[in-house]
Amino acid sequence: MQFVLQALEMQKPHAQRSWVELSEMMNLLITHCAVMVAGGHHSGAQTLLPGRKPGYLSNLPDPLKEKMATETLCRQLMCLWQT
């Protein structure tokens, strides 16, 4: 996930992206997160944490600071992915 985020930031920083570009990047990150979790490599929280620093997925609650069930996190990701 860090490689994907670094590549996105090198192409164009988060702060300079339009809303359309941000939406496309969020879909890419959520899809990559789902693949990593489905493959058994990481949990949902582990894949999302690197994306919070540059601003991607920052509207989701921080799973390390807030007690949030995995089920709730998955619901919020599905809502983001469907928009």
C-alpha atoms as a PDB file:
ATOM      1  CA  MET A   1       0.000   0.000   0.000  1.00  0.00           C
ATOM      2  CA  GLN A   2       2.859   2.385   0.750  1.00  0.00           C
ATOM      3  CA  PHE A   3       4.231   1.827  -2.763  1.00  0.00           C
ATOM      4  CA  VAL A   4       0.844   2.651  -4.307  1.00  0.00           C
ATOM      5  CA  LEU A   5       0.536   5.802  -2.190  1.00  0.00           C
ATOM      6  CA  GLN A   6       4.055   6.912  -3.001  1.00  0.00           C
ATOM      7  CA  ALA A   7       3.426   6.425  -6.713  1.00  0.00           C
ATOM      8  CA  LEU A   8       0.204   8.456  -6.507  1.00  0.00           C
ATOM      9  CA  GLU A   9       1.939  11.277  -4.631  1.00  0.00           C
ATOM     10  CA  MET A  10       4.802  11.335  -7.151  1.00  0.00           C
ATOM     11  CA  GLN A  11       2.348  11.640 -10.043  1.00  0.00           C
ATOM     12  CA  LYS A  12       0.460  14.499  -8.414  1.00  0.00           C
ATOM     13  CA  PRO A  13       0.240  15.466  -4.728  1.00  0.00           C
ATOM     14  CA  HIS A  14      -3.040  14.925  -2.896  1.00  0.00           C
ATOM     15  CA  ALA A  15      -3.499  18.658  -2.274  1.00  0.00           C
ATOM     16  CA  GLN A  16      -3.355  19.423  -6.021  1.00  0.00           C
ATOM     17  CA  ARG A  17      -5.923  16.841  -7.156  1.00  0.00           C
ATOM     18  CA  SER A  18      -9.454  17.759  -8.221  1.00  0.00           C
ATOM     19  CA  TRP A  19     -12.496  16.131  -6.613  1.00  0.00           C
ATOM     20  CA  VAL A  20     -12.851  13.819  -9.610  1.00  0.00           C
ATOM     21  CA  GLU A  21      -9.218  12.747  -9.341  1.00  0.00           C
ATOM     22  CA  LEU A  22      -9.559  12.222  -5.588  1.00  0.00           C
ATOM     23  CA  SER A  23     -12.610  10.043  -6.122  1.00  0.00           C
ATOM     24  CA  GLU A  24     -10.731   7.914  -8.655  1.00  0.00           C
ATOM     25  CA  MET A  25      -7.749   7.596  -6.301  1.00  0.00           C
ATOM     26  CA  MET A  26     -10.020   6.613  -3.387  1.00  0.00           C
ATOM     27  CA  ASN A  27     -11.585   3.879  -5.517  1.00  0.00           C
ATOM     28  CA  LEU A  28      -8.136   2.614  -6.460  1.00  0.00           C
ATOM     29  CA  LEU A  29      -6.989   2.571  -2.832  1.00  0.00           C
ATOM     30  CA  ILE A  30     -10.145   0.878  -1.559  1.00  0.00           C
ATOM     31  CA  THR A  31      -9.902  -1.773  -4.282  1.00  0.00           C
ATOM     32  CA  HIS A  32      -6.249  -2.394  -3.425  1.00  0.00           C
ATOM     33  CA  CYS A  33      -7.184  -2.603   0.263  1.00  0.00           C
ATOM     34  CA  ALA A  34      -9.885  -5.179  -0.506  1.00  0.00           C
ATOM     35  CA  VAL A  35      -7.450  -7.303  -2.532  1.00  0.00           C
ATOM     36  CA  MET A  36      -4.887  -7.251   0.287  1.00  0.00           C
ATOM     37  CA  VAL A  37      -7.481  -8.194   2.910  1.00  0.00           C
ATOM     38  CA  ALA A  38      -9.067 -10.892   0.722  1.00  0.00           C
ATOM     39  CA  GLY A  39      -5.631 -12.378   0.099  1.00  0.00           C
ATOM     40  CA  GLY A  40      -5.049 -12.609   3.838  1.00  0.00           C
ATOM     41  CA  HIS A  41      -2.032 -10.320   3.774  1.00  0.00           C
ATOM     42  CA  HIS A  42      -3.339  -7.553   6.048  1.00  0.00           C
ATOM     43  CA  SER A  43      -6.347  -6.368   7.999  1.00  0.00           C
ATOM     44  CA  GLY A  44      -8.429  -3.466   6.749  1.00  0.00           C
ATOM     45  CA  ALA A  45      -6.901  -1.135   9.332  1.00  0.00           C
ATOM     46  CA  GLN A  46      -3.338  -2.076   8.360  1.00  0.00           C
ATOM     47  CA  THR A  47      -3.923  -1.256   4.724  1.00  0.00           C
ATOM     48  CA  LEU A  48      -5.646   2.066   5.420  1.00  0.00           C
ATOM     49  CA  LEU A  49      -3.211   3.571   7.899  1.00  0.00           C
ATOM     50  CA  PRO A  50      -0.501   4.590   5.380  1.00  0.00           C
ATOM     51  CA  GLY A  51      -3.105   6.484   3.333  1.00  0.00           C
ATOM     52  CA  ARG A  52      -4.184   8.716   6.172  1.00  0.00           C
ATOM     53  CA  LYS A  53      -0.979  10.806   6.317  1.00  0.00           C
ATOM     54  CA  PRO A  54      -1.127  12.259   2.768  1.00  0.00           C
ATOM     55  CA  GLY A  55      -4.890  12.808   3.137  1.00  0.00           C
ATOM     56  CA  TYR A  56      -6.385   9.819   1.338  1.00  0.00           C
ATOM     57  CA  LEU A  57      -9.210   8.204   3.302  1.00  0.00           C
ATOM     58  CA  SER A  58      -8.726  10.759   6.071  1.00  0.00           C
ATOM     59  CA  ASN A  59     -12.495  11.101   6.467  1.00  0.00           C
ATOM     60  CA  LEU A  60     -12.613   7.579   7.936  1.00  0.00           C
ATOM     61  CA  PRO A  61     -12.151   7.313  11.702  1.00  0.00           C
ATOM     62  CA  ASP A  62      -8.641   6.339  12.797  1.00  0.00           C
ATOM     63  CA  PRO A  63      -8.843   2.668  13.826  1.00  0.00           C
ATOM     64  CA  LEU A  64      -5.939   3.081  16.257  1.00  0.00           C
ATOM     65  CA  LYS A  65      -7.460   6.006  18.135  1.00  0.00           C
ATOM     66  CA  GLU A  66     -11.123   5.045  18.106  1.00  0.00           C
ATOM     67  CA  LYS A  67     -12.651   1.763  19.112  1.00  0.00           C
ATOM     68  CA  MET A  68     -14.336   0.793  15.886  1.00  0.00           C
ATOM     69  CA  ALA A  69     -15.460  -2.660  14.897  1.00  0.00           C
ATOM     70  CA  THR A  70     -14.101  -4.103  11.659  1.00  0.00           C
ATOM     71  CA  GLU A  71     -17.691  -4.488  10.507  1.00  0.00           C
ATOM     72  CA  THR A  72     -18.288  -0.727  10.792  1.00  0.00           C
ATOM     73  CA  LEU A  73     -15.075   0.048   8.936  1.00  0.00           C
ATOM     74  CA  CYS A  74     -16.103  -2.283   6.102  1.00  0.00           C
ATOM     75  CA  ARG A  75     -19.525  -0.642   5.855  1.00  0.00           C
ATOM     76  CA  GLN A  76     -17.963   2.812   5.587  1.00  0.00           C
ATOM     77  CA  LEU A  77     -15.521   1.606   2.914  1.00  0.00           C
ATOM     78  CA  MET A  78     -18.369   0.088   0.893  1.00  0.00           C
ATOM     79  CA  CYS A  79     -20.259   3.399   1.066  1.00  0.00           C
ATOM     80  CA  LEU A  80     -17.179   5.229  -0.231  1.00  0.00           C
ATOM     81  CA  TRP A  81     -16.575   2.658  -2.947  1.00  0.00           C
ATOM     82  CA  GLN A  82     -20.171   2.827  -4.215  1.00  0.00           C
ATOM     83  CA  THR A  83     -20.153   6.610  -4.565  1.00  0.00           C
END
